[in-house]
C-alpha atoms as a PDB file:
ATOM      1  CA  MET A   1      20.445  43.490   8.315  1.00  0.00           C
ATOM      2  CA  LYS A   2      19.569  46.195   5.566  1.00  0.00           C
ATOM      3  CA  LEU A   3      16.642  43.934   4.575  1.00  0.00           C
ATOM      4  CA  TYR A   4      15.151  44.339   7.890  1.00  0.00           C
ATOM      5  CA  PHE A   5      15.100  48.039   8.178  1.00  0.00           C
ATOM      6  CA  ARG A   6      13.212  48.345   4.615  1.00  0.00           C
ATOM      7  CA  LEU A   7      10.548  46.206   6.067  1.00  0.00           C
ATOM      8  CA  LEU A   8      10.363  48.252   9.188  1.00  0.00           C
ATOM      9  CA  LYS A   9      10.408  51.522   6.442  1.00  0.00           C
ATOM     10  CA  SER A  10       7.068  49.424   5.028  1.00  0.00           C
ATOM     11  CA  MET A  11       5.612  48.644   8.645  1.00  0.00           C
ATOM     12  CA  HIS A  12       5.435  52.546   9.532  1.00  0.00           C
ATOM     13  CA  PRO A  13       1.821  52.842   8.369  1.00  0.00           C
ATOM     14  CA  TYR A  14       0.812  50.147  11.029  1.00  0.00           C
ATOM     15  CA  ARG A  15       2.954  51.333  14.042  1.00  0.00           C
ATOM     16  CA  PHE A  16      -0.031  52.060  15.618  1.00  0.00           C
ATOM     17  CA  SER A  17      -1.305  48.650  15.250  1.00  0.00           C
ATOM     18  CA  PHE A  18       2.168  47.200  15.934  1.00  0.00           C
ATOM     19  CA  LEU A  19       2.492  48.710  19.251  1.00  0.00           C
ATOM     20  CA  PHE A  20      -0.790  47.462  20.584  1.00  0.00           C
ATOM     21  CA  ALA A  21      -0.060  43.930  19.492  1.00  0.00           C
ATOM     22  CA  LEU A  22       3.189  44.458  21.523  1.00  0.00           C
ATOM     23  CA  PHE A  23       1.063  45.760  24.310  1.00  0.00           C
ATOM     24  CA  CYS A  24      -0.752  42.745  24.254  1.00  0.00           C
ATOM     25  CA  ILE A  25       1.890  40.829  24.291  1.00  0.00           C
ATOM     26  CA  VAL A  26       2.944  42.173  27.600  1.00  0.00           C
ATOM     27  CA  VAL A  27      -0.600  42.249  29.132  1.00  0.00           C
ATOM     28  CA  PHE A  28      -0.230  38.536  28.411  1.00  0.00           C
ATOM     29  CA  ALA A  29       2.937  37.592  29.786  1.00  0.00           C
ATOM     30  CA  LEU A  30       1.782  39.398  32.982  1.00  0.00           C
ATOM     31  CA  SER A  31      -1.585  37.840  33.141  1.00  0.00           C
ATOM     32  CA  THR A  32       0.109  34.342  32.641  1.00  0.00           C
ATOM     33  CA  GLY A  33       2.346  35.357  35.577  1.00  0.00           C
ATOM     34  CA  ALA A  34      -0.840  36.623  37.599  1.00  0.00           C
ATOM     35  CA  MET A  35      -2.721  33.305  36.633  1.00  0.00           C
ATOM     36  CA  ALA A  36       0.591  31.439  38.411  1.00  0.00           C
ATOM     37  CA  TYR A  37       0.556  33.682  41.165  1.00  0.00           C
ATOM     38  CA  LEU A  38      -3.019  32.801  41.773  1.00  0.00           C
ATOM     39  CA  ILE A  39      -2.838  28.942  41.751  1.00  0.00           C
ATOM     40  CA  GLY A  40      -0.723  29.180  45.270  1.00  0.00           C
ATOM     41  CA  PRO A  41      -3.817  30.783  47.511  1.00  0.00           C
ATOM     42  CA  ALA A  42      -6.337  28.712  45.848  1.00  0.00           C
ATOM     43  CA  ILE A  43      -4.223  25.330  46.468  1.00  0.00           C
ATOM     44  CA  LYS A  44      -4.028  26.745  49.871  1.00  0.00           C
ATOM     45  CA  MET A  45      -7.633  27.715  50.334  1.00  0.00           C
ATOM     46  CA  LEU A  46      -8.879  24.153  49.523  1.00  0.00           C
ATOM     47  CA  PHE A  47      -6.235  22.086  51.677  1.00  0.00           C
ATOM     48  CA  ALA A  48      -5.400  24.587  54.525  1.00  0.00           C
ATOM     49  CA  ALA A  49      -6.882  23.602  57.992  1.00  0.00           C
ATOM     50  CA  GLU A  50      -6.348  26.940  59.391  1.00  0.00           C
ATOM     51  CA  ALA A  51      -9.352  29.293  59.512  1.00  0.00           C
ATOM     52  CA  ASN A  52      -7.798  32.357  60.447  1.00  0.00           C
ATOM     53  CA  GLU A  53      -5.626  32.547  57.828  1.00  0.00           C
ATOM     54  CA  THR A  54      -5.587  35.558  55.575  1.00  0.00           C
ATOM     55  CA  THR A  55      -4.130  35.103  51.803  1.00  0.00           C
ATOM     56  CA  ARG A  56      -2.025  37.717  49.842  1.00  0.00           C
ATOM     57  CA  PHE A  57      -3.407  38.814  46.845  1.00  0.00           C
ATOM     58  CA  ILE A  58      -0.842  40.818  45.380  1.00  0.00           C
ATOM     59  CA  PRO A  59       2.734  40.610  46.657  1.00  0.00           C
ATOM     60  CA  LEU A  60       4.474  43.250  49.285  1.00  0.00           C
ATOM     61  CA  ASP A  61       1.213  42.727  51.283  1.00  0.00           C
ATOM     62  CA  LEU A  62      -0.458  45.608  49.274  1.00  0.00           C
ATOM     63  CA  LEU A  63      -4.091  43.507  49.491  1.00  0.00           C
ATOM     64  CA  THR A  64      -4.998  40.785  51.861  1.00  0.00           C
ATOM     65  CA  ILE A  65      -7.891  39.094  52.121  1.00  0.00           C
ATOM     66  CA  ASP A  66      -9.419  37.272  55.118  1.00  0.00           C
ATOM     67  CA  GLN A  67     -10.541  33.564  55.098  1.00  0.00           C
ATOM     68  CA  ASP A  68     -14.046  34.196  54.980  1.00  0.00           C
ATOM     69  CA  LYS A  69     -13.845  36.485  51.467  1.00  0.00           C
ATOM     70  CA  LYS A  70     -11.159  34.029  49.861  1.00  0.00           C
ATOM     71  CA  ILE A  71     -14.078  31.270  49.223  1.00  0.00           C
ATOM     72  CA  LEU A  72     -15.270  34.035  46.716  1.00  0.00           C
ATOM     73  CA  ALA A  73     -12.845  36.235  45.953  1.00  0.00           C
ATOM     74  CA  ILE A  74      -9.997  33.621  44.579  1.00  0.00           C
ATOM     75  CA  PRO A  75     -12.361  32.139  42.042  1.00  0.00           C
ATOM     76  CA  ILE A  76     -13.479  35.531  40.810  1.00  0.00           C
ATOM     77  CA  ALA A  77      -9.883  36.714  40.469  1.00  0.00           C
ATOM     78  CA  LEU A  78      -8.711  33.564  38.322  1.00  0.00           C
ATOM     79  CA  VAL A  79     -11.617  34.311  36.178  1.00  0.00           C
ATOM     80  CA  VAL A  80     -10.953  37.610  35.587  1.00  0.00           C
ATOM     81  CA  VAL A  81      -7.128  36.859  34.934  1.00  0.00           C
ATOM     82  CA  ALA A  82      -8.544  34.289  32.456  1.00  0.00           C
ATOM     83  CA  VAL A  83     -10.742  36.733  30.576  1.00  0.00           C
ATOM     84  CA  ILE A  84      -7.765  39.362  30.544  1.00  0.00           C
ATOM     85  CA  LYS A  85      -5.025  36.779  29.427  1.00  0.00           C
ATOM     86  CA  GLY A  86      -7.420  35.288  26.735  1.00  0.00           C
ATOM     87  CA  LEU A  87      -8.358  38.952  25.113  1.00  0.00           C
ATOM     88  CA  SER A  88      -4.956  39.828  25.367  1.00  0.00           C
ATOM     89  CA  PHE A  89      -3.885  36.744  23.377  1.00  0.00           C
ATOM     90  CA  TYR A  90      -6.651  37.556  21.025  1.00  0.00           C
ATOM     91  CA  GLY A  91      -5.438  41.212  20.518  1.00  0.00           C
ATOM     92  CA  ASN A  92      -2.037  40.162  19.682  1.00  0.00           C
ATOM     93  CA  THR A  93      -2.584  37.195  17.592  1.00  0.00           C
ATOM     94  CA  TYR A  94      -5.063  39.498  15.504  1.00  0.00           C
ATOM     95  CA  TYR A  95      -3.089  42.843  15.199  1.00  0.00           C
ATOM     96  CA  MET A  96       0.415  40.581  14.593  1.00  0.00           C
ATOM     97  CA  GLY A  97      -1.501  39.136  11.891  1.00  0.00           C
ATOM     98  CA  TYR A  98      -2.994  42.360  10.624  1.00  0.00           C
ATOM     99  CA  VAL A  99       0.221  43.804  10.489  1.00  0.00           C
ATOM    100  CA  GLY A 100       1.642  41.096   8.778  1.00  0.00           C
ATOM    101  CA  GLN A 101      -0.810  40.836   6.087  1.00  0.00           C
ATOM    102  CA  ARG A 102      -0.938  44.365   5.207  1.00  0.00           C
ATOM    103  CA  VAL A 103       2.946  44.482   4.740  1.00  0.00           C
ATOM    104  CA  VAL A 104       2.770  41.859   2.684  1.00  0.00           C
ATOM    105  CA  THR A 105      -0.106  43.497   0.576  1.00  0.00           C
ATOM    106  CA  ASP A 106       2.027  46.437   0.185  1.00  0.00           C
ATOM    107  CA  LEU A 107       5.080  44.908  -0.900  1.00  0.00           C
ATOM    108  CA  ARG A 108       3.173  43.214  -3.710  1.00  0.00           C
ATOM    109  CA  ARG A 109       1.399  46.017  -4.538  1.00  0.00           C
ATOM    110  CA  LYS A 110       4.423  47.860  -4.789  1.00  0.00           C
ATOM    111  CA  LEU A 111       6.094  44.852  -6.999  1.00  0.00           C
ATOM    112  CA  TYR A 112       3.473  44.982  -9.486  1.00  0.00           C
ATOM    113  CA  GLU A 113       3.231  48.362  -9.997  1.00  0.00           C
ATOM    114  CA  HIS A 114       6.770  48.217 -10.684  1.00  0.00           C
ATOM    115  CA  ILE A 115       6.400  45.722 -13.190  1.00  0.00           C
ATOM    116  CA  LEU A 116       3.902  47.622 -14.806  1.00  0.00           C
ATOM    117  CA  ARG A 117       5.882  50.554 -15.353  1.00  0.00           C
ATOM    118  CA  LEU A 118       8.755  48.852 -17.350  1.00  0.00           C
ATOM    119  CA  PRO A 119       8.955  49.067 -20.630  1.00  0.00           C
ATOM    120  CA  VAL A 120       7.907  47.055 -23.051  1.00  0.00           C
ATOM    121  CA  GLY A 121      11.113  46.566 -24.714  1.00  0.00           C
ATOM    122  CA  TYR A 122      12.234  44.918 -21.280  1.00  0.00           C
ATOM    123  CA  PHE A 123       9.794  41.895 -21.006  1.00  0.00           C
ATOM    124  CA  SER A 124      10.811  41.208 -24.853  1.00  0.00           C
ATOM    125  CA  SER A 125      14.648  41.261 -23.711  1.00  0.00           C
ATOM    126  CA  ASN A 126      14.214  39.173 -20.636  1.00  0.00           C
ATOM    127  CA  PRO A 127      12.870  35.774 -20.158  1.00  0.00           C
ATOM    128  CA  THR A 128       9.649  35.330 -17.812  1.00  0.00           C
ATOM    129  CA  GLY A 129      11.766  33.164 -15.111  1.00  0.00           C
ATOM    130  CA  THR A 130      14.111  36.607 -14.575  1.00  0.00           C
ATOM    131  CA  LEU A 131      11.166  38.879 -13.789  1.00  0.00           C
END
């Protein structure tokens, strides 16, 4: 457990990038749910026989759309949600990779500086494999 806390300390300079990546994860999860929620009205629109039926876009009847407007609204909503989902996936992947690579680079730099600061006698008394 101490190792993880030490790694978290090395993530401190990149906390905003990490928090943005977490935000992208949440947006991705919400957009995945929204995509699944919008599939229902899209299927109803394709196969429904009733012309006067209204569709709930947001749960709890916060936004309802009439039949004639949903021919345009549902595909636009699906495209918007897909774009948001794609951008949040890209942001999550990019910033998590960025933070991970920067933390590894910092740890390698610290290790290299530590090895360079060791006295010369240390290298003569220890074999290369133990370094």
